Amino acid sequence: MKTPKLNREWHLSHRMPKNPTLQQRLEWHLEHAKNCQCRPITGKFAEEMKKRGMSVPGI
C-alpha cells in the first residue's frame, strides 16, 4: 500500500480560516484535494458537496 503524499508547502501556506463557515470549509477541502494527496474528501464534506451538486474529487 502506497503512503499518501503530503504537500507540506501547500499546507503551511493555506491554513483553514478561524471559525470558517461551511462554504469556506468546503472550498478549502476542494483546493486541498487539487494540491495535496494526503487524504481524500469523505464523510460529511463529501455528502454536503454531493447535496450541493459539487464534484467530489476522487469519487
C-alpha atoms as a PDB file:
ATOM      1  CA  MET A   1       0.000   0.000   0.000  1.00  0.00           C
ATOM      2  CA  LYS A   2       1.379   3.409  -1.002  1.00  0.00           C
ATOM      3  CA  THR A   3       1.693   6.168   1.562  1.00  0.00           C
ATOM      4  CA  PRO A   4      -0.279   9.282   0.568  1.00  0.00           C
ATOM      5  CA  LYS A   5       1.775  12.294  -0.491  1.00  0.00           C
ATOM      6  CA  LEU A   6       1.625  15.307   1.789  1.00  0.00           C
ATOM      7  CA  ASN A   7       2.241  18.673   0.157  1.00  0.00           C
ATOM      8  CA  ARG A   8       3.838  20.319   3.181  1.00  0.00           C
ATOM      9  CA  GLU A   9       4.379  23.673   1.468  1.00  0.00           C
ATOM     10  CA  TRP A  10       0.710  23.893   0.467  1.00  0.00           C
ATOM     11  CA  HIS A  11      -0.456  23.024   3.981  1.00  0.00           C
ATOM     12  CA  LEU A  12       1.803  25.665   5.549  1.00  0.00           C
ATOM     13  CA  SER A  13       0.644  28.424   3.201  1.00  0.00           C
ATOM     14  CA  HIS A  14      -3.078  27.518   3.127  1.00  0.00           C
ATOM     15  CA  ARG A  15      -4.370  27.362   6.662  1.00  0.00           C
ATOM     16  CA  MET A  16      -8.063  26.885   7.344  1.00  0.00           C
ATOM     17  CA  PRO A  17      -9.526  30.257   8.444  1.00  0.00           C
ATOM     18  CA  LYS A  18     -10.508  30.680  12.074  1.00  0.00           C
ATOM     19  CA  ASN A  19     -14.199  29.882  12.636  1.00  0.00           C
ATOM     20  CA  PRO A  20     -14.846  29.025   8.962  1.00  0.00           C
ATOM     21  CA  THR A  21     -18.314  28.829   7.512  1.00  0.00           C
ATOM     22  CA  LEU A  22     -19.381  25.550   5.948  1.00  0.00           C
ATOM     23  CA  GLN A  23     -18.866  27.099   2.498  1.00  0.00           C
ATOM     24  CA  GLN A  24     -15.295  28.143   3.409  1.00  0.00           C
ATOM     25  CA  ARG A  25     -14.569  24.641   4.682  1.00  0.00           C
ATOM     26  CA  LEU A  26     -15.911  23.047   1.504  1.00  0.00           C
ATOM     27  CA  GLU A  27     -13.848  25.408  -0.674  1.00  0.00           C
ATOM     28  CA  TRP A  28     -10.724  24.731   1.396  1.00  0.00           C
ATOM     29  CA  HIS A  29     -11.192  20.974   1.044  1.00  0.00           C
ATOM     30  CA  LEU A  30     -11.652  21.273  -2.736  1.00  0.00           C
ATOM     31  CA  GLU A  31      -8.424  23.290  -3.067  1.00  0.00           C
ATOM     32  CA  HIS A  32      -6.718  20.832  -0.750  1.00  0.00           C
ATOM     33  CA  ALA A  33      -7.725  17.897  -2.949  1.00  0.00           C
ATOM     34  CA  LYS A  34      -6.302  19.686  -6.012  1.00  0.00           C
ATOM     35  CA  ASN A  35      -2.964  20.409  -4.345  1.00  0.00           C
ATOM     36  CA  CYS A  36      -2.310  17.595  -1.900  1.00  0.00           C
ATOM     37  CA  GLN A  37      -2.980  13.874  -1.965  1.00  0.00           C
ATOM     38  CA  CYS A  38      -2.605  13.233   1.767  1.00  0.00           C
ATOM     39  CA  ARG A  39      -6.264  12.198   2.159  1.00  0.00           C
ATOM     40  CA  PRO A  40      -9.486  12.044   0.139  1.00  0.00           C
ATOM     41  CA  ILE A  41     -12.645  14.048   0.788  1.00  0.00           C
ATOM     42  CA  THR A  42     -15.030  11.730   2.610  1.00  0.00           C
ATOM     43  CA  GLY A  43     -17.773  11.736   5.195  1.00  0.00           C
ATOM     44  CA  LYS A  44     -19.891  14.790   5.854  1.00  0.00           C
ATOM     45  CA  PHE A  45     -17.902  17.006   3.475  1.00  0.00           C
ATOM     46  CA  ALA A  46     -18.351  14.616   0.544  1.00  0.00           C
ATOM     47  CA  GLU A  47     -22.049  14.242   1.378  1.00  0.00           C
ATOM     48  CA  GLU A  48     -22.557  18.017   1.568  1.00  0.00           C
ATOM     49  CA  MET A  49     -20.714  18.569  -1.728  1.00  0.00           C
ATOM     50  CA  LYS A  50     -22.919  15.989  -3.455  1.00  0.00           C
ATOM     51  CA  LYS A  51     -26.033  17.579  -1.930  1.00  0.00           C
ATOM     52  CA  ARG A  52     -24.922  20.966  -3.337  1.00  0.00           C
ATOM     53  CA  GLY A  53     -24.204  19.470  -6.763  1.00  0.00           C
ATOM     54  CA  MET A  54     -20.454  19.919  -6.367  1.00  0.00           C
ATOM     55  CA  SER A  55     -17.990  17.454  -7.862  1.00  0.00           C
ATOM     56  CA  VAL A  56     -16.130  15.462  -5.221  1.00  0.00           C
ATOM     57  CA  PRO A  57     -12.548  14.754  -6.323  1.00  0.00           C
ATOM     58  CA  GLY A  58     -11.611  11.080  -6.268  1.00  0.00           C
ATOM     59  CA  ILE A  59     -15.197   9.828  -6.249  1.00  0.00           C
END
